[in-house]
Structures are given as C-alpha cells and as structure tokens.
Protein backbone atom coordinates (compact mmCIF):
# COMPACT_ATOMS: atom_id res chain seq x y z
CA MET A 1 -15.40 -26.51 38.18
CA TYR A 2 -14.94 -23.19 39.82
CA LYS A 3 -16.06 -24.48 43.33
CA LEU A 4 -14.11 -27.52 43.04
CA PHE A 5 -10.73 -26.68 41.52
CA LEU A 6 -10.51 -22.85 41.18
CA ARG A 7 -12.27 -21.46 44.17
CA PRO A 8 -10.08 -23.49 46.73
CA ILE A 9 -6.77 -22.27 45.25
CA LEU A 10 -8.15 -18.67 45.01
CA PHE A 11 -9.36 -18.70 48.78
CA LEU A 12 -5.84 -19.54 50.03
CA PHE A 13 -4.67 -16.02 49.36
CA ASP A 14 -5.75 -12.61 50.45
CA PRO A 15 -9.08 -11.59 49.37
CA GLU A 16 -8.04 -7.90 48.07
CA LYS A 17 -5.15 -9.26 46.13
CA ILE A 18 -6.94 -12.10 44.55
CA HIS A 19 -9.71 -9.37 43.62
CA HIS A 20 -7.08 -7.74 41.63
CA PHE A 21 -5.65 -11.14 40.41
CA THR A 22 -9.08 -12.18 39.13
CA PHE A 23 -9.51 -9.09 37.24
CA SER A 24 -6.27 -9.27 35.41
CA LEU A 25 -7.06 -12.94 34.55
CA ILE A 26 -10.47 -12.13 33.21
CA ARG A 27 -9.05 -9.28 31.19
CA PHE A 28 -6.15 -11.23 29.91
CA SER A 29 -8.37 -14.11 28.89
CA CYS A 30 -11.00 -12.11 27.02
CA LYS A 31 -8.29 -10.82 24.81
CA ILE A 32 -7.58 -14.37 23.56
CA PRO A 33 -9.51 -15.24 20.34
CA GLY A 34 -12.48 -17.16 21.06
CA ILE A 35 -12.63 -16.71 24.76
CA LYS A 36 -15.43 -14.36 24.80
CA SER A 37 -17.57 -16.55 22.55
CA LEU A 38 -16.72 -19.45 24.89
CA PHE A 39 -17.92 -17.43 27.91
CA LYS A 40 -21.02 -16.24 26.35
CA SER A 41 -21.78 -20.03 25.10
CA ILE A 42 -21.35 -21.42 28.48
CA TYR A 43 -22.86 -18.66 30.72
CA MET A 44 -25.19 -16.54 28.61
CA VAL A 45 -28.93 -17.25 28.47
CA GLU A 46 -31.24 -15.42 26.30
CA ASN A 47 -34.97 -15.64 26.35
CA LYS A 48 -37.96 -13.49 25.98
CA PHE A 49 -39.24 -14.49 29.56
CA LEU A 50 -35.98 -13.17 31.11
CA GLU A 51 -36.62 -9.48 29.62
CA ARG A 52 -37.52 -6.87 32.11
CA ASP A 53 -38.83 -3.23 31.75
CA VAL A 54 -37.99 -1.50 35.04
CA LEU A 55 -37.10 2.14 35.89
CA GLY A 56 -37.99 2.96 32.28
CA LEU A 57 -35.05 0.92 31.06
CA HIS A 58 -35.08 -2.60 29.12
CA PHE A 59 -33.12 -5.31 30.87
CA LYS A 60 -32.21 -8.59 28.70
CA ASN A 61 -32.51 -10.34 32.13
CA PRO A 62 -33.05 -9.39 35.71
CA VAL A 63 -29.46 -10.44 37.26
CA GLY A 64 -26.98 -7.93 37.78
CA LEU A 65 -23.77 -7.28 39.31
CA ALA A 66 -23.86 -5.06 42.57
CA ALA A 67 -21.64 -2.22 43.14
CA GLY A 68 -18.21 -2.59 44.64
CA PHE A 69 -16.79 -5.31 42.27
CA ASP A 70 -16.27 -3.25 39.21
CA LYS A 71 -15.64 0.09 41.25
CA ASN A 72 -13.59 1.74 38.50
CA ALA A 73 -15.70 0.62 35.63
CA VAL A 74 -12.81 -1.35 34.08
CA LEU A 75 -14.23 -4.96 33.63
CA TYR A 76 -17.99 -4.35 32.78
CA ASN A 77 -17.39 -5.02 29.14
CA GLU A 78 -15.60 -8.43 29.80
CA LEU A 79 -17.95 -8.99 32.64
CA ALA A 80 -20.87 -8.60 30.25
CA ASN A 81 -19.82 -11.97 28.70
CA PHE A 82 -20.69 -14.10 31.91
CA GLY A 83 -24.59 -13.29 31.32
CA PHE A 84 -25.49 -10.37 33.66
CA GLY A 85 -28.37 -8.17 32.50
CA PHE A 86 -26.76 -5.11 34.29
CA ILE A 87 -23.75 -3.95 36.02
CA GLU A 88 -23.32 -1.31 38.64
CA ILE A 89 -20.13 0.32 38.65
CA GLY A 90 -18.61 2.37 41.61
CA THR A 91 -19.24 3.50 44.38
CA VAL A 92 -17.70 6.39 42.46
CA THR A 93 -16.41 9.77 44.32
CA PRO A 94 -15.29 12.99 42.96
CA LYS A 95 -11.86 12.40 43.77
CA GLY A 96 -9.78 9.23 43.87
CA GLN A 97 -9.16 7.94 47.37
CA VAL A 98 -7.32 5.08 48.94
CA GLY A 99 -10.04 3.89 51.27
CA ASN A 100 -9.20 2.74 54.56
CA PRO A 101 -5.95 1.19 55.91
CA LYS A 102 -5.48 -2.51 54.78
CA LYS A 103 -6.27 -5.36 55.70
CA ARG A 104 -9.85 -4.44 54.89
CA LEU A 105 -11.39 -7.50 53.21
CA PHE A 106 -12.17 -10.67 54.99
CA ARG A 107 -13.82 -13.92 54.06
CA LEU A 108 -15.92 -15.72 56.63
CA LYS A 109 -15.75 -19.24 54.93
CA ASP A 110 -18.10 -21.06 57.25
CA ASP A 111 -20.60 -18.68 56.86
CA GLU A 112 -20.35 -18.00 53.11
CA GLY A 113 -20.02 -14.41 53.90
CA ILE A 114 -17.54 -11.45 53.31
CA ILE A 115 -16.63 -8.26 55.73
CA ASN A 116 -15.32 -5.32 54.21
CA ARG A 117 -14.38 -2.14 55.36
CA MET A 118 -12.98 -0.79 51.91
CA GLY A 119 -14.15 2.85 52.51
CA PHE A 120 -15.17 3.85 48.96
CA ASN A 121 -11.61 3.03 47.58
CA ASN A 122 -11.62 4.31 43.75
CA GLU A 123 -9.79 6.23 41.24
CA GLY A 124 -12.34 9.01 40.94
CA LEU A 125 -14.80 10.45 38.80
CA GLU A 126 -12.60 11.46 35.83
CA ALA A 127 -11.05 7.85 35.74
CA ALA A 128 -14.46 6.24 35.67
CA ILE A 129 -15.55 8.64 32.93
CA ILE A 130 -12.45 7.57 30.71
CA GLN A 131 -13.41 3.68 31.37
CA LEU A 132 -17.05 4.51 30.54
CA LYS A 133 -16.27 5.80 27.08
CA LYS A 134 -15.40 2.38 26.10
CA ASN A 135 -18.95 0.93 26.90
CA LYS A 136 -19.76 -1.64 24.09
CA GLY A 137 -23.50 -1.07 24.83
CA GLN A 138 -23.95 -4.78 25.66
CA LEU A 139 -26.06 -4.28 28.85
CA VAL A 140 -27.52 -1.67 31.38
CA ILE A 141 -24.85 0.18 33.12
CA GLY A 142 -25.65 1.83 36.72
CA GLY A 143 -23.62 4.56 38.37
CA ASN A 144 -23.24 4.12 42.18
CA ILE A 145 -22.33 7.40 43.45
CA GLY A 146 -21.02 8.81 46.82
CA LYS A 147 -18.97 11.36 48.87
CA ASN A 148 -15.29 11.48 49.45
CA THR A 149 -14.24 10.81 53.08
CA ALA A 150 -12.58 13.96 53.58
CA THR A 151 -15.54 16.21 52.41
CA LYS A 152 -17.15 18.28 55.05
CA PRO A 153 -20.81 17.84 55.94
CA GLU A 154 -21.72 20.95 54.21
CA ASP A 155 -20.38 19.85 51.13
CA TYR A 156 -21.71 16.39 50.86
CA THR A 157 -24.34 17.35 48.45
CA ASN A 158 -21.86 18.93 46.02
CA ASP A 159 -20.09 15.60 45.97
CA TYR A 160 -23.03 13.62 44.82
CA LEU A 161 -23.74 16.41 42.16
CA GLU A 162 -20.30 16.37 40.63
CA CYS A 163 -20.48 12.67 40.10
CA PHE A 164 -24.05 12.71 38.82
CA ASN A 165 -23.31 15.52 36.37
CA GLY A 166 -20.13 13.89 35.32
CA LEU A 167 -21.30 10.30 34.99
CA HIS A 168 -24.83 11.26 33.48
CA PRO A 169 -24.17 10.77 29.84
CA TYR A 170 -22.20 7.49 30.40
CA VAL A 171 -24.68 5.51 32.75
CA ASP A 172 -28.27 4.40 32.37
CA TYR A 173 -29.41 4.81 36.06
CA PHE A 174 -28.08 6.26 39.29
CA VAL A 175 -27.54 5.04 42.76
CA LEU A 176 -27.21 7.33 45.59
CA ASN A 177 -25.29 5.33 48.19
CA VAL A 178 -25.98 6.73 51.56
CA SER A 179 -25.90 3.39 53.56
CA CYS A 180 -22.35 2.19 53.55
CA PRO A 181 -21.04 1.68 56.91
CA ASN A 182 -17.50 2.21 56.07
CA VAL A 183 -17.26 5.73 55.53
CA GLY A 184 -16.90 8.67 57.76
CA SER A 185 -19.83 10.70 59.04
CA HIS A 186 -22.37 8.20 58.17
CA ALA A 187 -25.17 9.42 60.57
CA LYS A 188 -26.12 12.39 58.43
CA LEU A 189 -26.44 10.42 55.30
CA ASN A 190 -29.09 8.61 57.14
CA ASP A 191 -31.03 11.60 58.03
CA LYS A 192 -34.53 11.83 56.50
CA ASP A 193 -34.13 15.80 56.35
CA TYR A 194 -30.88 15.46 54.68
CA LEU A 195 -32.14 12.81 52.46
CA LEU A 196 -34.86 14.85 51.14
CA GLU A 197 -32.40 17.81 50.25
CA LEU A 198 -29.86 15.45 48.78
CA ILE A 199 -32.62 13.80 46.52
CA SER A 200 -34.23 17.12 45.61
CA GLU A 201 -30.80 18.55 44.62
CA VAL A 202 -30.03 15.58 42.43
CA GLN A 203 -33.43 15.80 40.66
CA LYS A 204 -32.97 19.28 39.94
CA ALA A 205 -29.85 18.50 38.39
CA ASN A 206 -31.48 15.53 36.64
CA SER A 207 -34.15 17.80 35.11
CA ASN A 208 -31.15 19.98 33.20
CA PHE A 209 -30.46 17.14 31.04
CA GLU A 210 -32.45 16.61 27.89
CA LYS A 211 -32.88 12.77 28.82
CA GLN A 212 -33.44 12.33 32.57
CA LYS A 213 -31.85 9.11 34.08
CA PRO A 214 -33.56 7.02 36.86
CA ILE A 215 -32.39 7.52 40.40
CA VAL A 216 -32.61 4.78 43.20
CA LEU A 217 -31.71 4.97 47.01
CA LYS A 218 -29.61 2.16 48.30
CA ILE A 219 -30.41 1.54 51.98
CA ALA A 220 -29.21 -0.64 54.84
CA PRO A 221 -30.73 -4.20 55.68
CA ASP A 222 -30.63 -2.88 59.56
CA LEU A 223 -33.29 -0.45 59.35
CA ASN A 224 -36.47 -1.09 61.73
CA THR A 225 -39.93 -1.02 60.53
CA ASN A 226 -40.21 2.65 61.65
CA GLN A 227 -37.20 3.58 59.47
CA LEU A 228 -38.69 1.54 56.60
CA ASP A 229 -41.81 3.37 56.85
CA GLU A 230 -39.66 6.76 56.50
CA ILE A 231 -38.22 5.38 53.49
CA ILE A 232 -41.78 4.57 51.85
CA ASP A 233 -42.69 8.13 52.73
CA LEU A 234 -39.39 9.57 51.12
CA VAL A 235 -39.90 7.66 48.11
CA LYS A 236 -43.69 8.77 47.70
CA GLU A 237 -42.78 12.46 48.75
CA THR A 238 -39.71 12.86 46.50
CA HIS A 239 -41.10 10.63 43.39
CA LEU A 240 -37.97 8.65 43.64
CA ASP A 241 -37.46 6.12 40.81
CA GLY A 242 -36.87 3.04 43.36
CA VAL A 243 -34.83 1.62 46.06
CA ILE A 244 -31.86 -1.16 46.26
CA ALA A 245 -32.53 -3.46 49.37
CA SER A 246 -30.01 -3.71 50.75
CA ASN A 247 -26.31 -2.75 51.50
CA THR A 248 -24.13 -4.64 53.97
CA SER A 249 -25.14 -5.13 57.58
CA THR A 250 -23.14 -4.30 60.81
CA ASP A 251 -25.03 -6.93 62.64
CA ARG A 252 -23.03 -10.03 63.62
CA ILE A 253 -25.58 -12.19 65.15
CA GLY A 254 -25.89 -15.65 64.48
CA LEU A 255 -22.57 -16.11 62.62
CA LYS A 256 -20.55 -19.15 62.82
CA ALA A 257 -17.45 -17.41 62.85
CA SER A 258 -15.77 -17.20 66.55
CA GLU A 259 -16.05 -14.22 68.63
CA GLU A 260 -12.13 -14.29 68.55
CA ARG A 261 -12.05 -14.17 64.77
CA LEU A 262 -14.87 -11.40 64.48
CA ALA A 263 -12.78 -9.39 67.06
CA GLU A 264 -9.77 -9.63 65.02
CA ILE A 265 -11.55 -8.70 61.87
CA GLY A 266 -13.10 -5.59 63.73
CA ASN A 267 -15.85 -3.25 62.10
CA GLY A 268 -17.02 -3.45 58.63
CA GLY A 269 -20.06 -4.00 56.36
CA LEU A 270 -21.06 -8.01 56.45
CA SER A 271 -22.25 -9.46 52.95
CA GLY A 272 -23.30 -12.63 51.90
CA GLN A 273 -25.35 -15.70 53.18
CA PRO A 274 -25.62 -14.21 56.84
CA ILE A 275 -27.63 -11.24 55.51
CA LYS A 276 -30.04 -13.12 53.16
CA GLN A 277 -32.95 -13.42 55.35
CA LYS A 278 -32.64 -9.77 56.57
CA SER A 279 -32.38 -8.52 53.09
CA THR A 280 -35.45 -10.21 52.02
CA ARG A 281 -37.64 -9.21 55.12
CA VAL A 282 -36.80 -5.63 54.13
CA ILE A 283 -37.78 -6.02 50.38
CA GLN A 284 -40.88 -7.87 51.41
CA TYR A 285 -41.75 -5.02 53.98
CA LEU A 286 -41.28 -2.35 51.38
CA SER A 287 -43.33 -4.22 48.87
CA ASP A 288 -46.13 -5.26 50.84
CA LYS A 289 -46.38 -1.95 52.94
CA SER A 290 -46.02 0.26 49.92
CA ASN A 291 -48.48 -1.73 47.76
CA LYS A 292 -45.71 -2.34 45.45
CA ALA A 293 -45.63 1.32 44.63
CA PHE A 294 -41.76 1.43 43.31
CA PRO A 295 -39.20 -0.68 41.97
CA ILE A 296 -37.00 -2.61 44.18
CA ILE A 297 -33.62 -4.26 43.22
CA GLY A 298 -32.90 -6.99 45.62
CA VAL A 299 -29.51 -7.73 46.66
CA GLY A 300 -27.97 -9.78 49.78
CA GLY A 301 -27.18 -13.29 50.38
CA ILE A 302 -27.89 -14.66 46.76
CA HIS A 303 -25.96 -17.78 46.30
CA SER A 304 -28.61 -20.11 44.55
CA ALA A 305 -31.35 -19.66 42.20
CA LYS A 306 -33.74 -20.31 44.99
CA ASP A 307 -32.14 -17.33 46.86
CA ALA A 308 -32.99 -15.10 43.91
CA LEU A 309 -36.40 -16.37 43.40
CA ASP A 310 -37.12 -15.76 47.04
CA LYS A 311 -36.01 -12.05 46.64
CA ILE A 312 -38.51 -11.77 43.58
CA GLU A 313 -41.42 -13.40 45.15
CA ALA A 314 -40.86 -11.01 48.16
CA GLY A 315 -41.24 -8.12 45.63
CA ALA A 316 -37.91 -7.51 43.98
CA ASP A 317 -38.13 -6.42 40.30
CA LEU A 318 -34.50 -7.16 39.54
CA VAL A 319 -31.87 -8.90 41.80
CA GLN A 320 -28.03 -8.31 42.02
CA ILE A 321 -25.31 -10.50 43.21
CA TYR A 322 -21.64 -9.93 44.66
CA THR A 323 -20.63 -12.40 47.43
CA GLY A 324 -22.62 -15.14 45.76
CA PHE A 325 -20.65 -14.43 42.53
CA ILE A 326 -17.40 -14.96 44.61
CA TYR A 327 -18.54 -18.09 46.36
CA GLU A 328 -20.22 -19.59 43.36
CA GLY A 329 -18.69 -18.46 40.31
CA PRO A 330 -20.43 -17.26 37.11
CA LYS A 331 -22.49 -20.18 36.72
CA LEU A 332 -24.77 -18.63 39.34
CA ILE A 333 -26.03 -16.21 36.89
CA LYS A 334 -26.83 -18.81 34.32
CA GLN A 335 -28.64 -21.07 37.23
CA ILE A 336 -30.79 -17.88 38.28
CA ASN A 337 -32.06 -17.14 34.63
CA LYS A 338 -32.81 -20.65 33.97
CA ALA A 339 -34.79 -21.13 37.23
CA LEU A 340 -36.61 -17.87 36.02
CA ILE A 341 -37.50 -19.32 32.49
CA LYS A 342 -38.57 -22.66 34.17
CA LYS A 343 -40.80 -20.70 36.66
CA ALA A 344 -42.50 -18.59 33.77
CA ASN A 345 -43.33 -21.77 31.88
CA GLN A 346 -44.85 -23.37 34.83
C-alpha cells in the first residue's frame, strides 16, 4: 500500500517538507485511539529468534532506525510501534543549529538513493533531553553526538563531552559521529591521533558514571583497506565497544542519475541502494580482518530482507535502515524480521 499509493504522492513534494509532514502525520495518527495497537498488529514481530545481546544491551530484534531520521528525539515513542528493535536519535550537538542552507535534501529515484547535506541541523542538547525524558522504555535508544559547525578545532572534544555527559542518563548507547561529510573541518575528525584523544576523553567521562554506556564509532564507507586497518587498530587500542558501518558516501560512481542532475544537486552524502555493496564490503573486511573482535552495526542500502541478511552474513550483529525506510515503508522492518526467523528455523 505504501509503495503503490502513499509514496508516489509523497515523492511529488520537496523531501525535507515531506519529512516534517510525515512526522506530523505519524504523531497525529498515534493520538487516535486504537491506531498504535493497529500499527503494532500490522508491523511488529516478536520471537525469541530475533532477540540479540549486543554491546551489553538486550535488543528485542536487530533492526534499528539510523540516526538522522529522528534528529531531535521527538518521534521515537511513536516509531517504536512500527517494530524497530532500537532507534538512534541525533546527530545531537551542544547548541541548536539550522544546518546548511536549503535546498539540502534530494531524492535519486532511479537509483533509490538520497543525497543530503543537512549539516547537523538540530535543536540542540537541551531540547533532546526534554524529549528523552518522555521515553516509555519500549526499545533501546542510541544517542548519536557531534560538534557544532562553528566550534573551533581546539574545542571539538568539549562539544562531544558536553553531549555525552548531558545525554548519558537518557540513552542506552552512544555513537561518535566523526564521518559525516556535511560538516565543516571534517579532516581533523578522521585523523587517527585526534580520534585516540577523543575516544580517550569520552571514555574518561564514561567512567565517572555509576553505569557506563557502550560507545561506538560511525565510519565512512569510502575508507580504503589501510584506513580500515587503522580503525581495527584503533578499536583494539582504545577498547571501543563497536563500529557502525557505514555513514553516507561522497562517491558518485555508477549512478543512473545524469551528470547534469548531480551537478545541479552539488555536494552531500549519498545513501541508499548505491552504497549497499560498498558498506557491505566494509563490514566484511572489518569482521574478517579483526576475526570478529568487536560488534558491528551494519547500515547502508538496506531496501529488502535480503539486503539485511547480506549485511548480517558479512559480519553485522545489528542492522539499521534509513533510506530504505523512506523508499519501502514500515513493512520493510517486518520483512527483515520474518526473514531472520525463517533463516533461524532452517
């Protein structure tokens, strides 16, 4: 129903405006008596074969919503009704910021992809905390944190620490977002020496809490094998809890979209089907080369149950969807979970 009727209508309009419209529609729908129960009956799958213990946390199922969809933690309670096992909010920065100038979100329909250069637009740490205090405890919540665009390089770590300390009581795990191509001064965030410093400082902050939270690193899909070897060494050296593979890509090779269309869109991070194979290769390499030494959350181009199974077979312990959720609708979550149950019973 979504792909046949609703998506064609939604795709007639500006992607960012439709995103906000969809949020309002879901929130309004869930206030109608019986609608939440209806959504759960249609989309939710509960089965012992879906349960996962990863990062020291218990997940009802391994299918999550990636960061960027519910940036300000305003819809996670409602989205839980669609059958997700976990939802990652953010990216959250200390201060609210408008992000990059509009237009900044573009569909590549023929490629089943999206290009965005949102620029960490969000309402800031305090606004996220207010929303997270409304958590009904239905599923695992991740906190994706980053720096403000205007922050000077010498203060990057302070931004991460402010978000980490502020969100610590309200999320179950943390993601250090250092691989988004849509923020300024991106180079330093990929420097290994800086990452060692950042991870060390965040881990020190974590040790100050009675209950420590898992910390994972979100990496780009465009890293070469030498850079991936550095990530493996980094995880081993810092005892980081895991890796999310992967963020969006700056690569435009092999797209069906015309050169004129891509030039019109300009720069930004590519997500969806075009990066499926690339992200799966990163997962496979990290898993094989490290001998499965740490948990991996696989994300990038999951538009079907097979896509999710491919990520898991490559070495992912959990998977996340984002662009696939937009293109395929909420039935995708159920399809993945049912496929996992079928596979477990074979």
